[in-house]
Structures are given as C-alpha cells and as structure tokens.
C-alpha cells in the first residue's frame, strides 16, 4: 500500500497512485520519472497557478503522447493527492509568491 506521506513515495508508489485514480492514460505519462518529492513539487506548481499548469501539462501530453488531458483528470489529480500531503509541507500560493519576490531582490 501507499505510505501516508507523499515524501516517502518511490517511482512505483507514484505509478500505483495514478493507476488507482484511473489517471494512467493522462497524468501518468507526464510523471513516469517522478518520485514523491517531485510529485509534491508538481502539485505545488499546480496550486500556485492552476490554469497555467493545466495548459502546460495539456500541451506536453498532446505534444509528446498525442493524448488530450481532460480537465476532470487534472482536477481529480489535484483533489485525490491532497490526502497524502503533510499540511506542513505545502507552500501557500502567497508564500510561494513572497519567496519568489524575495529571491528577485
């Protein structure tokens, strides 16, 4: 079974999670080389700009695999993964923005 925390996931755990959520044809091809830490980074990127990340993932999936990314699959991914994300690891979009702004100064 899956470890409770996404940060403990291996590549195989990521694959198992996406297959269980019936995202094997859409999200899985984009995540084949991701472990839990990298999947968490992807999730944080999605939280910081949902629409832009949807467009980016949809474009990559179409260009590389000639497959469409239904919005329902993207939203399913965002919803189902929340259970495995420790609350202290998520950067809120506003804190993400502040960190980015500080890095620029």
N, C-alpha and C. Protein backbone atom coordinates (compact mmCIF):
# COMPACT_ATOMS: atom_id res chain seq x y z
N UNK A 1 0.84 -1.19 0.00
CA UNK A 1 0.00 0.00 0.00
C UNK A 1 0.88 1.25 0.00
N UNK A 2 0.24 2.40 -0.18
CA UNK A 2 0.98 3.66 -0.26
C UNK A 2 1.36 4.18 1.12
N UNK A 3 2.61 4.66 1.28
CA UNK A 3 2.95 5.36 2.51
C UNK A 3 2.03 6.57 2.69
N UNK A 4 1.74 6.91 3.93
CA UNK A 4 0.81 8.00 4.21
C UNK A 4 1.32 9.34 3.68
N UNK A 5 2.62 9.56 3.76
CA UNK A 5 3.20 10.83 3.31
C UNK A 5 3.79 10.69 1.91
N UNK A 6 3.44 11.61 1.06
CA UNK A 6 3.92 11.60 -0.33
C UNK A 6 5.44 11.70 -0.39
N UNK A 7 6.06 12.31 0.61
CA UNK A 7 7.51 12.46 0.59
C UNK A 7 8.24 11.13 0.74
N UNK A 8 7.53 10.08 1.11
CA UNK A 8 8.12 8.75 1.24
C UNK A 8 7.89 7.89 0.00
N UNK A 9 7.21 8.42 -1.00
CA UNK A 9 6.86 7.64 -2.18
C UNK A 9 8.06 7.44 -3.10
N UNK A 10 8.11 6.26 -3.70
CA UNK A 10 9.07 5.95 -4.75
C UNK A 10 8.37 6.16 -6.11
N UNK A 11 9.11 5.92 -7.18
CA UNK A 11 8.51 5.97 -8.52
C UNK A 11 7.33 5.00 -8.61
N UNK A 12 7.51 3.82 -8.03
CA UNK A 12 6.45 2.81 -8.08
C UNK A 12 5.19 3.24 -7.32
N UNK A 13 5.37 3.92 -6.20
CA UNK A 13 4.21 4.43 -5.46
C UNK A 13 3.44 5.47 -6.28
N UNK A 14 4.19 6.35 -6.95
CA UNK A 14 3.55 7.37 -7.79
C UNK A 14 2.72 6.69 -8.87
N UNK A 15 3.31 5.69 -9.51
CA UNK A 15 2.60 4.95 -10.57
C UNK A 15 1.35 4.28 -10.02
N UNK A 16 1.48 3.63 -8.88
CA UNK A 16 0.34 2.95 -8.25
C UNK A 16 -0.78 3.94 -7.92
N UNK A 17 -0.42 5.08 -7.35
CA UNK A 17 -1.41 6.11 -7.02
C UNK A 17 -2.17 6.56 -8.27
N UNK A 18 -1.44 6.88 -9.32
CA UNK A 18 -2.09 7.39 -10.54
C UNK A 18 -2.95 6.32 -11.20
N UNK A 19 -2.51 5.08 -11.17
CA UNK A 19 -3.33 4.00 -11.73
C UNK A 19 -4.60 3.79 -10.91
N UNK A 20 -4.49 3.85 -9.60
CA UNK A 20 -5.68 3.71 -8.75
C UNK A 20 -6.70 4.82 -9.00
N UNK A 21 -6.22 6.00 -9.31
CA UNK A 21 -7.11 7.13 -9.57
C UNK A 21 -7.59 7.16 -11.02
N UNK A 22 -7.24 6.12 -11.77
CA UNK A 22 -7.60 5.99 -13.19
C UNK A 22 -7.04 7.14 -14.03
N UNK A 23 -5.80 7.51 -13.71
CA UNK A 23 -5.11 8.57 -14.43
C UNK A 23 -3.92 8.02 -15.22
N UNK A 24 -3.96 6.72 -15.48
CA UNK A 24 -2.86 6.05 -16.17
C UNK A 24 -2.65 6.49 -17.60
N UNK A 25 -3.70 6.91 -18.26
CA UNK A 25 -3.58 7.32 -19.67
C UNK A 25 -3.27 8.80 -19.83
N UNK A 26 -3.43 9.57 -18.76
CA UNK A 26 -3.27 11.02 -18.90
C UNK A 26 -2.16 11.59 -18.02
N UNK A 27 -2.29 11.51 -16.73
CA UNK A 27 -1.30 12.11 -15.84
C UNK A 27 -0.04 11.23 -15.72
N UNK A 28 -0.21 9.92 -15.71
CA UNK A 28 0.93 9.02 -15.54
C UNK A 28 2.04 9.23 -16.56
N UNK A 29 1.75 9.37 -17.85
CA UNK A 29 2.85 9.57 -18.80
C UNK A 29 3.69 10.82 -18.49
N UNK A 30 3.09 11.80 -17.85
CA UNK A 30 3.81 13.02 -17.50
C UNK A 30 4.65 12.86 -16.23
N UNK A 31 4.43 11.77 -15.51
CA UNK A 31 5.05 11.60 -14.19
C UNK A 31 5.90 10.34 -14.08
N UNK A 32 6.29 9.75 -15.18
CA UNK A 32 6.98 8.46 -15.13
C UNK A 32 8.30 8.51 -14.38
N UNK A 33 8.95 9.64 -14.35
CA UNK A 33 10.26 9.75 -13.69
C UNK A 33 10.17 10.44 -12.33
N UNK A 34 8.97 10.61 -11.82
CA UNK A 34 8.79 11.34 -10.56
C UNK A 34 8.66 10.41 -9.37
N UNK A 35 9.35 10.76 -8.29
CA UNK A 35 9.11 10.12 -7.01
C UNK A 35 8.18 11.05 -6.21
N UNK A 36 7.96 10.75 -4.96
CA UNK A 36 7.02 11.53 -4.17
C UNK A 36 7.41 12.99 -4.00
N UNK A 37 8.70 13.25 -3.76
CA UNK A 37 9.14 14.64 -3.59
C UNK A 37 8.91 15.45 -4.85
N UNK A 38 9.19 14.86 -5.99
CA UNK A 38 9.00 15.58 -7.26
C UNK A 38 7.51 15.73 -7.60
N UNK A 39 6.71 14.73 -7.24
CA UNK A 39 5.27 14.85 -7.45
C UNK A 39 4.71 15.96 -6.56
N UNK A 40 5.23 16.08 -5.36
CA UNK A 40 4.83 17.17 -4.46
C UNK A 40 5.18 18.52 -5.08
N UNK A 41 6.34 18.64 -5.70
CA UNK A 41 6.72 19.88 -6.38
C UNK A 41 5.75 20.20 -7.51
N UNK A 42 5.37 19.17 -8.27
CA UNK A 42 4.39 19.38 -9.34
C UNK A 42 3.07 19.87 -8.76
N UNK A 43 2.62 19.25 -7.69
CA UNK A 43 1.38 19.66 -7.04
C UNK A 43 1.46 21.11 -6.57
N UNK A 44 2.58 21.50 -5.97
CA UNK A 44 2.75 22.89 -5.52
C UNK A 44 2.72 23.86 -6.69
N UNK A 45 3.32 23.46 -7.81
CA UNK A 45 3.27 24.31 -9.01
C UNK A 45 1.83 24.47 -9.48
N UNK A 46 1.07 23.38 -9.43
CA UNK A 46 -0.33 23.43 -9.83
C UNK A 46 -1.13 24.35 -8.92
N UNK A 47 -0.83 24.32 -7.63
CA UNK A 47 -1.54 25.18 -6.69
C UNK A 47 -1.22 26.65 -6.92
N UNK A 48 0.02 26.94 -7.28
CA UNK A 48 0.42 28.33 -7.44
C UNK A 48 -0.19 28.97 -8.68
N UNK A 49 -0.49 28.16 -9.70
CA UNK A 49 -1.13 28.70 -10.91
C UNK A 49 -1.87 27.58 -11.63
N UNK A 50 -3.06 27.29 -11.17
CA UNK A 50 -3.82 26.14 -11.68
C UNK A 50 -4.05 26.18 -13.18
N UNK A 51 -4.50 27.32 -13.68
CA UNK A 51 -4.84 27.39 -15.11
C UNK A 51 -3.60 27.25 -15.99
N UNK A 52 -2.54 27.94 -15.63
CA UNK A 52 -1.32 27.87 -16.42
C UNK A 52 -0.72 26.46 -16.41
N UNK A 53 -0.73 25.81 -15.25
CA UNK A 53 -0.20 24.45 -15.18
C UNK A 53 -1.06 23.48 -15.95
N UNK A 54 -2.37 23.67 -15.91
CA UNK A 54 -3.24 22.80 -16.72
C UNK A 54 -2.87 22.93 -18.19
N UNK A 55 -2.71 24.16 -18.65
CA UNK A 55 -2.36 24.38 -20.06
C UNK A 55 -0.99 23.77 -20.39
N UNK A 56 -0.03 23.91 -19.49
CA UNK A 56 1.30 23.34 -19.72
C UNK A 56 1.28 21.82 -19.78
N UNK A 57 0.58 21.21 -18.84
CA UNK A 57 0.50 19.75 -18.82
C UNK A 57 -0.28 19.22 -20.02
N UNK A 58 -1.35 19.92 -20.37
CA UNK A 58 -2.15 19.52 -21.53
C UNK A 58 -1.31 19.60 -22.80
N UNK A 59 -0.54 20.67 -22.94
CA UNK A 59 0.31 20.84 -24.11
C UNK A 59 1.37 19.74 -24.19
N UNK A 60 2.05 19.48 -23.06
CA UNK A 60 3.10 18.45 -23.06
C UNK A 60 2.53 17.07 -23.38
N UNK A 61 1.40 16.74 -22.79
CA UNK A 61 0.78 15.44 -23.05
C UNK A 61 0.40 15.30 -24.52
N UNK A 62 -0.13 16.36 -25.10
CA UNK A 62 -0.52 16.32 -26.50
C UNK A 62 0.70 16.25 -27.43
N UNK A 63 1.71 17.05 -27.15
CA UNK A 63 2.91 17.08 -28.00
C UNK A 63 3.69 15.77 -27.95
N UNK A 64 3.86 15.22 -26.76
CA UNK A 64 4.69 14.02 -26.60
C UNK A 64 3.94 12.73 -26.84
N UNK A 65 2.65 12.70 -26.47
CA UNK A 65 1.92 11.43 -26.50
C UNK A 65 0.65 11.47 -27.34
N UNK A 66 0.38 12.62 -27.96
CA UNK A 66 -0.82 12.79 -28.80
C UNK A 66 -2.09 12.38 -28.04
N UNK A 67 -2.15 12.80 -26.80
CA UNK A 67 -3.27 12.48 -25.92
C UNK A 67 -3.81 13.77 -25.32
N UNK A 68 -5.11 13.84 -25.17
CA UNK A 68 -5.73 15.00 -24.56
C UNK A 68 -5.76 14.84 -23.04
N UNK A 69 -5.68 15.95 -22.32
CA UNK A 69 -5.79 15.94 -20.87
C UNK A 69 -7.13 16.55 -20.49
N UNK A 70 -8.11 15.72 -20.16
CA UNK A 70 -9.40 16.26 -19.74
C UNK A 70 -9.26 17.05 -18.44
N UNK A 71 -9.98 18.14 -18.34
CA UNK A 71 -9.94 18.95 -17.12
C UNK A 71 -10.35 18.12 -15.91
N UNK A 72 -11.25 17.17 -16.10
CA UNK A 72 -11.68 16.31 -15.00
C UNK A 72 -10.51 15.49 -14.44
N UNK A 73 -9.61 15.03 -15.30
CA UNK A 73 -8.44 14.28 -14.84
C UNK A 73 -7.49 15.17 -14.05
N UNK A 74 -7.29 16.37 -14.53
CA UNK A 74 -6.43 17.33 -13.82
C UNK A 74 -7.01 17.64 -12.44
N UNK A 75 -8.30 17.89 -12.37
CA UNK A 75 -8.95 18.19 -11.10
C UNK A 75 -8.97 16.97 -10.18
N UNK A 76 -9.13 15.79 -10.74
CA UNK A 76 -9.07 14.56 -9.94
C UNK A 76 -7.69 14.42 -9.30
N UNK A 77 -6.66 14.64 -10.08
CA UNK A 77 -5.29 14.58 -9.55
C UNK A 77 -5.13 15.55 -8.38
N UNK A 78 -5.54 16.80 -8.56
CA UNK A 78 -5.39 17.81 -7.50
C UNK A 78 -6.18 17.45 -6.25
N UNK A 79 -7.34 16.87 -6.44
CA UNK A 79 -8.20 16.53 -5.30
C UNK A 79 -7.69 15.29 -4.55
N UNK A 80 -7.39 14.24 -5.28
CA UNK A 80 -7.05 12.96 -4.66
C UNK A 80 -5.68 12.96 -3.98
N UNK A 81 -4.78 13.77 -4.46
CA UNK A 81 -3.43 13.77 -3.89
C UNK A 81 -3.38 14.46 -2.53
N UNK A 82 -4.35 15.32 -2.25
CA UNK A 82 -4.34 16.10 -1.00
C UNK A 82 -4.24 15.23 0.24
N UNK A 83 -4.82 14.06 0.21
CA UNK A 83 -4.83 13.15 1.36
C UNK A 83 -3.41 12.78 1.79
N UNK A 84 -2.49 12.74 0.84
CA UNK A 84 -1.14 12.26 1.10
C UNK A 84 -0.12 13.37 1.35
N UNK A 85 -0.59 14.61 1.37
CA UNK A 85 0.31 15.74 1.51
C UNK A 85 0.31 16.22 2.96
N UNK A 86 1.44 16.12 3.64
CA UNK A 86 1.50 16.64 5.01
C UNK A 86 1.23 18.15 5.00
N UNK A 87 0.40 18.60 5.92
CA UNK A 87 -0.03 20.00 5.91
C UNK A 87 1.14 20.97 6.08
N UNK A 88 2.20 20.55 6.73
CA UNK A 88 3.33 21.46 6.94
C UNK A 88 4.26 21.57 5.74
N UNK A 89 4.01 20.80 4.68
CA UNK A 89 4.90 20.85 3.52
C UNK A 89 4.40 21.75 2.40
N UNK A 90 3.14 22.12 2.45
CA UNK A 90 2.57 22.91 1.35
C UNK A 90 2.87 24.39 1.55
N UNK A 91 3.39 24.97 0.50
CA UNK A 91 3.57 26.41 0.48
C UNK A 91 2.30 27.00 -0.11
N UNK A 92 1.71 27.93 0.59
CA UNK A 92 0.53 28.58 0.04
C UNK A 92 0.97 29.41 -1.16
N UNK A 93 0.07 29.66 -2.11
CA UNK A 93 0.45 30.47 -3.27
C UNK A 93 1.02 31.82 -2.86
N UNK A 94 0.50 32.43 -1.79
CA UNK A 94 1.00 33.73 -1.38
C UNK A 94 2.42 33.62 -0.82
N UNK A 95 2.71 32.57 -0.05
CA UNK A 95 4.07 32.42 0.47
C UNK A 95 5.03 32.06 -0.66
N UNK A 96 4.55 31.28 -1.62
CA UNK A 96 5.36 30.96 -2.79
C UNK A 96 5.73 32.24 -3.53
N UNK A 97 4.74 33.14 -3.68
CA UNK A 97 4.97 34.40 -4.37
C UNK A 97 5.96 35.26 -3.59
N UNK A 98 5.81 35.32 -2.26
CA UNK A 98 6.72 36.12 -1.45
C UNK A 98 8.15 35.60 -1.57
N UNK A 99 8.32 34.28 -1.54
CA UNK A 99 9.65 33.72 -1.68
C UNK A 99 10.25 34.07 -3.03
N UNK A 100 9.45 34.01 -4.05
CA UNK A 100 9.92 34.34 -5.39
C UNK A 100 10.32 35.81 -5.46
N UNK A 101 9.50 36.69 -4.88
CA UNK A 101 9.80 38.11 -4.89
C UNK A 101 11.08 38.39 -4.10
N UNK A 102 11.27 37.73 -2.96
CA UNK A 102 12.48 37.93 -2.17
C UNK A 102 13.71 37.47 -2.94
N UNK A 103 13.58 36.39 -3.66
CA UNK A 103 14.70 35.89 -4.43
C UNK A 103 15.11 36.87 -5.53
N UNK A 104 14.14 37.62 -6.03
CA UNK A 104 14.42 38.57 -7.10
C UNK A 104 15.13 39.81 -6.61
N UNK A 105 14.94 40.13 -5.33
CA UNK A 105 15.50 41.38 -4.79
C UNK A 105 16.93 41.25 -4.38
